[in-house]
Amino acid sequence: MRSSRRQWLFAFLAAPLALVGCRRKAAPPEQRAVDLFIESDGDFLAFKPDTLVCPSGAMVRLAFHHGGKSLSARHNWVLVYPGQMEAVDKDVDDNEGIIPKDDTRVIAVTPMCDKGVTVMTQFTAPAPGDYPFFCSTPGHGECMNGILHVERT
């Protein structure tokens, strides 16, 4: 009889622990996806639009189209942390505007492209704030730039 009391006591104490272990974990919230489109303003050194908006933490799929018709200058789209645009632009001047893959000041970048071509990049939107973007082709960054407004979700 003593062993059945022990078994009953053990079962009584173990049952809540077993239920806790069987509880399902809630699925993590699905990351929101946002598609953005931007292009060069024909043969002018400008982005159209020059302001983009997305929520923080979203998976951003950005398509950049080189809208030029006559000029053959190549363009790209580079997103950097606040206060870093001029420094990154200056550092890549001697490298035909190519951004090194390990540059920690850069959030996202598209490849350089020729007129009429569309290229893409994908990145997770950073914390809320305003993030500058620009074209890193030498001499373009001063005019060809804009802001990505990242909003609180």
N, C-alpha and C. Protein backbone atom coordinates (compact mmCIF):
# COMPACT_ATOMS: atom_id res chain seq x y z
N MET A 1 0.82 -1.18 0.00
CA MET A 1 0.00 0.00 0.00
C MET A 1 0.87 1.26 0.00
N ARG A 2 2.01 1.16 0.68
CA ARG A 2 2.92 2.28 0.71
C ARG A 2 3.38 2.67 -0.69
N SER A 3 3.71 1.68 -1.53
CA SER A 3 4.19 1.98 -2.87
C SER A 3 3.09 2.60 -3.72
N SER A 4 1.86 2.21 -3.54
CA SER A 4 0.81 2.82 -4.35
C SER A 4 0.58 4.27 -3.92
N ARG A 5 0.78 4.61 -2.64
CA ARG A 5 0.68 6.00 -2.22
C ARG A 5 1.81 6.82 -2.85
N ARG A 6 3.00 6.25 -2.88
CA ARG A 6 4.14 6.94 -3.50
C ARG A 6 3.88 7.13 -5.00
N GLN A 7 3.37 6.11 -5.64
CA GLN A 7 3.08 6.21 -7.07
C GLN A 7 2.02 7.28 -7.32
N TRP A 8 1.00 7.29 -6.48
CA TRP A 8 -0.06 8.27 -6.63
C TRP A 8 0.49 9.68 -6.40
N LEU A 9 1.31 9.86 -5.38
CA LEU A 9 1.91 11.17 -5.07
C LEU A 9 2.83 11.61 -6.22
N PHE A 10 3.62 10.69 -6.72
CA PHE A 10 4.50 11.01 -7.85
C PHE A 10 3.68 11.43 -9.07
N ALA A 11 2.64 10.67 -9.39
CA ALA A 11 1.80 10.99 -10.53
C ALA A 11 1.12 12.35 -10.34
N PHE A 12 0.68 12.63 -9.11
CA PHE A 12 0.02 13.88 -8.81
C PHE A 12 0.97 15.08 -9.01
N LEU A 13 2.23 14.91 -8.60
CA LEU A 13 3.21 16.00 -8.73
C LEU A 13 3.77 16.09 -10.15
N ALA A 14 3.89 14.98 -10.84
CA ALA A 14 4.49 14.97 -12.18
C ALA A 14 3.53 15.43 -13.27
N ALA A 15 2.24 15.26 -13.08
CA ALA A 15 1.27 15.59 -14.12
C ALA A 15 1.35 17.06 -14.57
N PRO A 16 1.38 18.04 -13.65
CA PRO A 16 1.46 19.43 -14.10
C PRO A 16 2.76 19.71 -14.87
N LEU A 17 3.85 19.08 -14.45
CA LEU A 17 5.12 19.29 -15.15
C LEU A 17 5.06 18.71 -16.56
N ALA A 18 4.41 17.58 -16.71
CA ALA A 18 4.28 16.97 -18.03
C ALA A 18 3.43 17.85 -18.94
N LEU A 19 2.39 18.45 -18.40
CA LEU A 19 1.54 19.32 -19.20
C LEU A 19 2.29 20.57 -19.65
N VAL A 20 3.13 21.11 -18.78
CA VAL A 20 3.92 22.28 -19.14
C VAL A 20 4.85 21.94 -20.29
N GLY A 21 5.45 20.77 -20.24
CA GLY A 21 6.37 20.35 -21.31
C GLY A 21 5.66 20.10 -22.62
N CYS A 22 4.39 19.79 -22.61
CA CYS A 22 3.63 19.50 -23.83
C CYS A 22 3.01 20.74 -24.45
N ARG A 23 3.05 21.84 -23.74
CA ARG A 23 2.43 23.05 -24.26
C ARG A 23 3.14 23.47 -25.55
N ARG A 24 2.37 23.81 -26.55
CA ARG A 24 2.94 24.22 -27.83
C ARG A 24 3.49 25.63 -27.73
N LYS A 25 4.60 25.82 -28.38
CA LYS A 25 5.16 27.16 -28.45
C LYS A 25 4.42 27.92 -29.54
N ALA A 26 4.16 29.18 -29.27
CA ALA A 26 3.48 30.01 -30.26
C ALA A 26 4.43 30.22 -31.44
N ALA A 27 3.89 30.16 -32.62
CA ALA A 27 4.69 30.40 -33.83
C ALA A 27 5.14 31.85 -33.83
N PRO A 28 6.39 32.09 -34.22
CA PRO A 28 6.84 33.48 -34.27
C PRO A 28 6.04 34.24 -35.33
N PRO A 29 5.83 35.53 -35.10
CA PRO A 29 5.07 36.29 -36.08
C PRO A 29 5.80 36.29 -37.43
N GLU A 30 5.02 36.19 -38.49
CA GLU A 30 5.60 36.17 -39.82
C GLU A 30 6.15 37.55 -40.16
N GLN A 31 7.35 37.57 -40.77
CA GLN A 31 7.95 38.84 -41.13
C GLN A 31 7.17 39.43 -42.31
N ARG A 32 6.82 40.68 -42.19
CA ARG A 32 6.07 41.37 -43.23
C ARG A 32 7.00 41.64 -44.41
N ALA A 33 6.51 41.44 -45.62
CA ALA A 33 7.28 41.72 -46.84
C ALA A 33 6.76 42.99 -47.47
N VAL A 34 7.68 43.82 -47.93
CA VAL A 34 7.34 45.08 -48.57
C VAL A 34 8.10 45.16 -49.89
N ASP A 35 7.39 45.45 -50.97
CA ASP A 35 8.01 45.64 -52.28
C ASP A 35 8.10 47.13 -52.57
N LEU A 36 9.31 47.60 -52.89
CA LEU A 36 9.52 49.00 -53.24
C LEU A 36 10.10 49.08 -54.65
N PHE A 37 9.74 50.14 -55.36
CA PHE A 37 10.26 50.37 -56.71
C PHE A 37 10.79 51.79 -56.78
N ILE A 38 11.97 51.93 -57.35
CA ILE A 38 12.58 53.24 -57.54
C ILE A 38 13.33 53.19 -58.86
N GLU A 39 13.46 54.35 -59.51
CA GLU A 39 14.18 54.39 -60.77
C GLU A 39 14.97 55.68 -60.88
N SER A 40 15.93 55.68 -61.81
CA SER A 40 16.62 56.93 -62.10
C SER A 40 15.66 57.77 -62.93
N ASP A 41 15.75 59.06 -62.79
CA ASP A 41 14.84 59.98 -63.48
C ASP A 41 15.35 60.23 -64.90
N GLY A 42 15.09 59.27 -65.77
CA GLY A 42 15.56 59.38 -67.16
C GLY A 42 17.06 59.56 -67.20
N ASP A 43 17.51 60.57 -67.91
CA ASP A 43 18.94 60.83 -68.02
C ASP A 43 19.43 61.89 -67.04
N PHE A 44 18.56 62.25 -66.11
CA PHE A 44 18.96 63.21 -65.07
C PHE A 44 19.57 62.45 -63.89
N LEU A 45 20.41 63.13 -63.14
CA LEU A 45 21.01 62.51 -61.96
C LEU A 45 20.08 62.69 -60.78
N ALA A 46 19.03 61.89 -60.75
CA ALA A 46 18.05 61.96 -59.67
C ALA A 46 17.32 60.62 -59.57
N PHE A 47 16.79 60.35 -58.39
CA PHE A 47 15.94 59.18 -58.18
C PHE A 47 14.49 59.62 -58.26
N LYS A 48 13.66 58.71 -58.71
CA LYS A 48 12.23 58.98 -58.79
C LYS A 48 11.51 57.78 -58.21
N PRO A 49 10.85 57.88 -57.07
CA PRO A 49 10.80 59.02 -56.15
C PRO A 49 12.12 59.12 -55.36
N ASP A 50 12.29 60.24 -54.69
CA ASP A 50 13.51 60.39 -53.88
C ASP A 50 13.25 60.13 -52.40
N THR A 51 12.03 59.69 -52.09
CA THR A 51 11.66 59.31 -50.72
C THR A 51 10.91 57.99 -50.77
N LEU A 52 11.33 57.06 -49.95
CA LEU A 52 10.67 55.76 -49.82
C LEU A 52 10.28 55.56 -48.36
N VAL A 53 9.26 54.71 -48.11
CA VAL A 53 8.78 54.45 -46.75
C VAL A 53 8.57 52.95 -46.57
N CYS A 54 8.96 52.44 -45.40
CA CYS A 54 8.69 51.04 -45.06
C CYS A 54 8.65 50.90 -43.54
N PRO A 55 8.05 49.82 -43.03
CA PRO A 55 8.02 49.61 -41.57
C PRO A 55 9.30 48.93 -41.09
N SER A 56 9.68 49.22 -39.89
CA SER A 56 10.85 48.60 -39.27
C SER A 56 10.66 47.09 -39.17
N GLY A 57 11.72 46.35 -39.46
CA GLY A 57 11.68 44.90 -39.36
C GLY A 57 11.12 44.18 -40.56
N ALA A 58 10.60 44.92 -41.53
CA ALA A 58 10.02 44.29 -42.72
C ALA A 58 11.11 43.74 -43.63
N MET A 59 10.78 42.69 -44.37
CA MET A 59 11.67 42.19 -45.41
C MET A 59 11.38 43.04 -46.64
N VAL A 60 12.33 43.88 -47.01
CA VAL A 60 12.15 44.81 -48.12
C VAL A 60 12.76 44.20 -49.38
N ARG A 61 11.94 44.16 -50.43
CA ARG A 61 12.42 43.72 -51.76
C ARG A 61 12.36 44.96 -52.63
N LEU A 62 13.54 45.51 -52.94
CA LEU A 62 13.61 46.75 -53.68
C LEU A 62 14.06 46.48 -55.12
N ALA A 63 13.30 47.00 -56.07
CA ALA A 63 13.68 46.94 -57.49
C ALA A 63 14.11 48.34 -57.90
N PHE A 64 15.28 48.43 -58.53
CA PHE A 64 15.79 49.70 -59.05
C PHE A 64 15.90 49.59 -60.56
N HIS A 65 15.26 50.54 -61.26
CA HIS A 65 15.29 50.56 -62.73
C HIS A 65 16.08 51.77 -63.20
N HIS A 66 17.05 51.53 -64.08
CA HIS A 66 17.82 52.61 -64.70
C HIS A 66 16.97 53.13 -65.86
N GLY A 67 16.34 54.29 -65.65
CA GLY A 67 15.41 54.84 -66.63
C GLY A 67 16.05 55.67 -67.72
N GLY A 68 17.37 55.67 -67.81
CA GLY A 68 18.04 56.46 -68.84
C GLY A 68 17.74 55.99 -70.24
N LYS A 69 17.75 56.94 -71.19
CA LYS A 69 17.50 56.63 -72.60
C LYS A 69 18.72 56.96 -73.46
N SER A 70 19.41 58.06 -73.14
CA SER A 70 20.50 58.53 -73.99
C SER A 70 21.88 58.33 -73.37
N LEU A 71 22.03 58.79 -72.15
CA LEU A 71 23.34 58.72 -71.51
C LEU A 71 23.67 57.29 -71.10
N SER A 72 24.94 56.98 -71.12
CA SER A 72 25.33 55.59 -70.84
C SER A 72 25.90 55.40 -69.43
N ALA A 73 25.81 56.41 -68.58
CA ALA A 73 26.35 56.26 -67.21
C ALA A 73 25.61 55.14 -66.49
N ARG A 74 26.35 54.36 -65.75
CA ARG A 74 25.76 53.29 -64.96
C ARG A 74 25.28 53.86 -63.62
N HIS A 75 24.25 53.22 -63.04
CA HIS A 75 23.72 53.66 -61.75
C HIS A 75 23.51 52.45 -60.85
N ASN A 76 23.40 52.74 -59.55
CA ASN A 76 23.00 51.74 -58.56
C ASN A 76 22.23 52.45 -57.45
N TRP A 77 21.84 51.69 -56.45
CA TRP A 77 21.10 52.22 -55.30
C TRP A 77 21.78 51.68 -54.06
N VAL A 78 22.24 52.57 -53.17
CA VAL A 78 22.99 52.19 -51.97
C VAL A 78 22.30 52.80 -50.76
N LEU A 79 21.93 51.96 -49.79
CA LEU A 79 21.31 52.41 -48.54
C LEU A 79 22.34 52.32 -47.43
N VAL A 80 22.53 53.42 -46.71
CA VAL A 80 23.53 53.46 -45.64
C VAL A 80 22.92 53.97 -44.34
N TYR A 81 23.68 53.79 -43.27
CA TYR A 81 23.26 54.31 -41.97
C TYR A 81 23.36 55.83 -41.96
N PRO A 82 22.55 56.50 -41.12
CA PRO A 82 22.60 57.97 -41.05
C PRO A 82 24.01 58.48 -40.81
N GLY A 83 24.35 59.55 -41.51
CA GLY A 83 25.65 60.19 -41.36
C GLY A 83 26.79 59.49 -42.10
N GLN A 84 26.51 58.47 -42.90
CA GLN A 84 27.56 57.70 -43.57
C GLN A 84 27.64 57.90 -45.08
N MET A 85 26.66 58.57 -45.67
CA MET A 85 26.59 58.65 -47.13
C MET A 85 27.84 59.29 -47.75
N GLU A 86 28.24 60.43 -47.28
CA GLU A 86 29.39 61.13 -47.88
C GLU A 86 30.66 60.32 -47.74
N ALA A 87 30.86 59.70 -46.58
CA ALA A 87 32.09 58.91 -46.36
C ALA A 87 32.14 57.69 -47.27
N VAL A 88 31.02 56.98 -47.38
CA VAL A 88 30.99 55.79 -48.25
C VAL A 88 31.19 56.22 -49.70
N ASP A 89 30.51 57.28 -50.12
CA ASP A 89 30.62 57.77 -51.50
C ASP A 89 32.07 58.14 -51.81
N LYS A 90 32.72 58.82 -50.90
CA LYS A 90 34.12 59.22 -51.10
C LYS A 90 35.03 58.01 -51.17
N ASP A 91 34.80 57.02 -50.31
CA ASP A 91 35.66 55.83 -50.26
C ASP A 91 35.59 54.98 -51.53
N VAL A 92 34.47 55.02 -52.26
CA VAL A 92 34.34 54.16 -53.44
C VAL A 92 34.65 54.89 -54.75
N ASP A 93 35.00 56.16 -54.66
CA ASP A 93 35.32 56.93 -55.88
C ASP A 93 36.42 56.28 -56.71
N ASP A 94 37.44 55.74 -56.08
CA ASP A 94 38.56 55.15 -56.81
C ASP A 94 38.28 53.72 -57.26
N ASN A 95 37.08 53.19 -56.94
CA ASN A 95 36.74 51.81 -57.27
C ASN A 95 35.53 51.74 -58.20
N GLU A 96 35.39 52.76 -59.07
CA GLU A 96 34.28 52.85 -60.01
C GLU A 96 32.91 52.77 -59.33
N GLY A 97 32.86 53.18 -58.06
CA GLY A 97 31.60 53.19 -57.33
C GLY A 97 31.16 51.86 -56.76
N ILE A 98 31.98 50.82 -56.92
CA ILE A 98 31.62 49.49 -56.42
C ILE A 98 31.77 49.46 -54.90
N ILE A 99 30.71 49.02 -54.22
CA ILE A 99 30.68 48.96 -52.76
C ILE A 99 31.24 47.61 -52.30
N PRO A 100 32.25 47.59 -51.41
CA PRO A 100 32.74 46.31 -50.88
C PRO A 100 31.65 45.59 -50.09
N LYS A 101 31.57 44.28 -50.22
CA LYS A 101 30.53 43.49 -49.55
C LYS A 101 30.61 43.57 -48.02
N ASP A 102 31.78 43.84 -47.47
CA ASP A 102 31.96 43.85 -46.02
C ASP A 102 31.89 45.25 -45.40
N ASP A 103 31.41 46.24 -46.12
CA ASP A 103 31.32 47.60 -45.59
C ASP A 103 30.17 47.68 -44.59
N THR A 104 30.48 47.82 -43.32
CA THR A 104 29.48 47.80 -42.26
C THR A 104 28.62 49.06 -42.21
N ARG A 105 28.98 50.08 -42.97
CA ARG A 105 28.18 51.31 -43.03
C ARG A 105 27.00 51.16 -43.99
N VAL A 106 27.04 50.11 -44.80
CA VAL A 106 26.05 49.90 -45.85
C VAL A 106 25.01 48.87 -45.40
N ILE A 107 23.74 49.20 -45.59
CA ILE A 107 22.65 48.30 -45.24
C ILE A 107 22.28 47.42 -46.43
N ALA A 108 22.19 48.04 -47.61
CA ALA A 108 21.81 47.30 -48.82
C ALA A 108 22.35 48.02 -50.04
N VAL A 109 22.55 47.26 -51.10
CA VAL A 109 23.07 47.83 -52.35
C VAL A 109 22.59 46.98 -53.53
N THR A 110 22.28 47.65 -54.62
CA THR A 110 21.99 46.91 -55.86
C THR A 110 23.28 46.88 -56.68
N PRO A 111 23.37 45.96 -57.62
CA PRO A 111 24.52 46.00 -58.53
C PRO A 111 24.43 47.23 -59.43
N MET A 112 25.56 47.64 -59.99
CA MET A 112 25.55 48.69 -61.00
C MET A 112 24.78 48.16 -62.20
N CYS A 113 24.03 49.04 -62.87
CA CYS A 113 23.29 48.59 -64.05
C CYS A 113 23.32 49.64 -65.15
N ASP A 114 23.12 49.17 -66.36
CA ASP A 114 23.08 50.03 -67.53
C ASP A 114 21.67 50.52 -67.79
N LYS A 115 21.54 51.51 -68.68
CA LYS A 115 20.22 52.08 -69.00
C LYS A 115 19.27 50.99 -69.47
N GLY A 116 18.02 51.11 -69.00
CA GLY A 116 16.98 50.17 -69.37
C GLY A 116 16.93 48.89 -68.55
N VAL A 117 17.87 48.70 -67.63
CA VAL A 117 17.97 47.47 -66.84
C VAL A 117 17.36 47.68 -65.45
N THR A 118 16.74 46.63 -64.93
CA THR A 118 16.21 46.64 -63.56
C THR A 118 16.99 45.63 -62.74
N VAL A 119 17.44 46.03 -61.55
CA VAL A 119 18.15 45.15 -60.63
C VAL A 119 17.43 45.16 -59.30
N MET A 120 17.73 44.18 -58.46
CA MET A 120 17.02 44.07 -57.18
C MET A 120 18.00 43.84 -56.03
N THR A 121 17.50 44.17 -54.84
CA THR A 121 18.18 43.83 -53.60
C THR A 121 17.11 43.53 -52.56
N GLN A 122 17.51 42.82 -51.52
CA GLN A 122 16.59 42.46 -50.45
C GLN A 122 17.30 42.67 -49.12
N PHE A 123 16.58 43.22 -48.15
CA PHE A 123 17.17 43.49 -46.84
C PHE A 123 16.08 43.62 -45.79
N THR A 124 16.46 43.47 -44.53
CA THR A 124 15.53 43.69 -43.43
C THR A 124 15.61 45.16 -43.04
N ALA A 125 14.45 45.82 -43.00
CA ALA A 125 14.42 47.24 -42.66
C ALA A 125 14.97 47.45 -41.25
N PRO A 126 15.84 48.44 -41.11
CA PRO A 126 16.45 48.69 -39.79
C PRO A 126 15.47 49.35 -38.83
N ALA A 127 15.99 49.80 -37.71
CA ALA A 127 15.20 50.49 -36.68
C ALA A 127 14.57 51.75 -37.26
N PRO A 128 13.49 52.23 -36.64
CA PRO A 128 12.85 53.45 -37.15
C PRO A 128 13.84 54.61 -37.26
N GLY A 129 13.67 55.39 -38.31
CA GLY A 129 14.55 56.54 -38.54
C GLY A 129 14.62 56.85 -40.02
N ASP A 130 15.46 57.83 -40.36
CA ASP A 130 15.67 58.22 -41.75
C ASP A 130 17.05 57.77 -42.20
N TYR A 131 17.08 57.01 -43.28
CA TYR A 131 18.31 56.42 -43.80
C TYR A 131 18.56 56.94 -45.21
N PRO A 132 19.75 57.51 -45.45
CA PRO A 132 20.04 58.04 -46.78
C PRO A 132 20.36 56.92 -47.78
N PHE A 133 19.97 57.17 -49.04
CA PHE A 133 20.39 56.31 -50.13
C PHE A 133 20.95 57.19 -51.24
N PHE A 134 21.80 56.59 -52.09
CA PHE A 134 22.45 57.36 -53.14
C PHE A 134 22.96 56.42 -54.23
N CYS A 135 23.37 57.01 -55.34
CA CYS A 135 24.05 56.27 -56.40
C CYS A 135 25.54 56.45 -56.17
N SER A 136 26.29 55.34 -56.16
CA SER A 136 27.72 55.43 -55.85
C SER A 136 28.61 55.59 -57.08
N THR A 137 28.01 55.76 -58.27
CA THR A 137 28.84 56.07 -59.44
C THR A 137 29.57 57.37 -59.14
N PRO A 138 30.89 57.42 -59.36
CA PRO A 138 31.64 58.63 -59.03
C PRO A 138 30.99 59.90 -59.60
N GLY A 139 30.78 60.88 -58.71
CA GLY A 139 30.19 62.15 -59.09
C GLY A 139 28.67 62.19 -59.04
N HIS A 140 28.00 61.07 -58.83
CA HIS A 140 26.54 61.05 -58.83
C HIS A 140 25.92 61.28 -57.45
N GLY A 141 26.61 60.90 -56.40
CA GLY A 141 26.04 60.92 -55.05
C GLY A 141 25.55 62.27 -54.57
N GLU A 142 26.19 63.35 -55.02
CA GLU A 142 25.78 64.68 -54.58
C GLU A 142 24.37 65.04 -55.02
N CYS A 143 23.99 64.62 -56.22
CA CYS A 143 22.66 64.95 -56.76
C CYS A 143 21.69 63.78 -56.69
N MET A 144 22.21 62.58 -56.85
CA MET A 144 21.36 61.39 -56.97
C MET A 144 21.28 60.70 -55.61
N ASN A 145 20.36 61.21 -54.78
CA ASN A 145 20.23 60.67 -53.42
C ASN A 145 18.80 60.87 -52.93
N GLY A 146 18.51 60.27 -51.79
CA GLY A 146 17.18 60.39 -51.21
C GLY A 146 17.16 59.81 -49.81
N ILE A 147 15.96 59.60 -49.29
CA ILE A 147 15.78 59.13 -47.91
C ILE A 147 14.80 57.96 -47.87
N LEU A 148 15.15 56.94 -47.10
CA LEU A 148 14.22 55.87 -46.76
C LEU A 148 13.73 56.15 -45.35
N HIS A 149 12.42 56.44 -45.21
CA HIS A 149 11.82 56.65 -43.89
C HIS A 149 11.39 55.27 -43.38
N VAL A 150 11.98 54.85 -42.27
CA VAL A 150 11.60 53.59 -41.65
C VAL A 150 10.71 53.92 -40.47
N GLU A 151 9.47 53.41 -40.53
CA GLU A 151 8.47 53.73 -39.52
C GLU A 151 8.37 52.63 -38.46
N ARG A 152 7.98 53.03 -37.28
CA ARG A 152 7.72 52.11 -36.19
C ARG A 152 6.53 51.21 -36.56
N THR A 153 6.63 49.91 -36.28
CA THR A 153 5.53 49.01 -36.63
C THR A 153 4.49 48.97 -35.53
